[in-house]
Amino acid sequence: MAKPNYAFEKRQRDLAKKKKKDEKRQRKSEAKAEQATGETTPVDPAQSN
């Protein structure tokens, strides 16, 4: 039976953490930029009915 490759598993977990952290950072920066420019999605009352 093959022994587990713990280094590979750790690397995969670290890459997943980094990807998730980068996505969160990007979402925050987009939200901050949107707030700074005052961009909001206009709500059309005719579409809400």
Protein backbone atom coordinates (compact mmCIF):
# COMPACT_ATOMS: atom_id res chain seq x y z
CA MET A 1 0.00 0.00 0.00
CA ALA A 2 1.31 3.45 -0.89
CA LYS A 3 2.02 5.83 1.92
CA PRO A 4 0.23 9.19 1.97
CA ASN A 5 2.00 12.20 0.50
CA TYR A 6 1.40 14.72 3.26
CA ALA A 7 3.50 17.41 1.59
CA PHE A 8 1.26 17.31 -1.49
CA GLU A 9 -1.89 17.46 0.63
CA LYS A 10 -0.53 20.41 2.60
CA ARG A 11 0.40 22.23 -0.62
CA GLN A 12 -3.11 21.71 -1.99
CA ARG A 13 -4.69 23.05 1.22
CA ASP A 14 -2.37 26.08 1.15
CA LEU A 15 -3.21 26.79 -2.48
CA ALA A 16 -6.93 26.56 -1.73
CA LYS A 17 -6.54 28.96 1.22
CA LYS A 18 -4.56 31.42 -0.89
CA LYS A 19 -7.14 31.31 -3.69
CA LYS A 20 -10.01 31.89 -1.27
CA LYS A 21 -8.14 34.75 0.42
CA ASP A 22 -7.36 36.40 -2.94
CA GLU A 23 -11.00 36.13 -4.03
CA LYS A 24 -12.15 37.70 -0.77
CA ARG A 25 -9.59 40.50 -1.11
CA GLN A 26 -10.72 41.15 -4.68
CA ARG A 27 -14.41 41.28 -3.67
CA LYS A 28 -13.58 43.73 -0.90
CA SER A 29 -11.56 45.97 -3.20
CA GLU A 30 -14.36 45.95 -5.80
CA ALA A 31 -16.91 46.85 -3.14
CA LYS A 32 -14.66 49.62 -1.83
CA ALA A 33 -14.14 51.01 -5.33
CA GLU A 34 -17.86 50.87 -6.02
CA GLN A 35 -18.60 52.69 -2.79
CA ALA A 36 -15.93 55.32 -3.46
CA THR A 37 -17.27 56.11 -6.94
CA GLY A 38 -20.84 56.11 -5.72
CA GLU A 39 -21.94 53.52 -8.25
CA THR A 40 -25.18 51.89 -7.29
CA THR A 41 -27.52 49.74 -9.27
CA PRO A 42 -30.61 51.81 -10.08
CA VAL A 43 -33.85 50.19 -9.09
CA ASP A 44 -36.58 50.45 -11.67
CA PRO A 45 -39.95 50.39 -9.87
CA ALA A 46 -41.70 49.13 -13.01
CA GLN A 47 -39.61 45.93 -12.99
CA SER A 48 -40.28 45.12 -9.34
CA ASN A 49 -44.02 44.52 -9.94
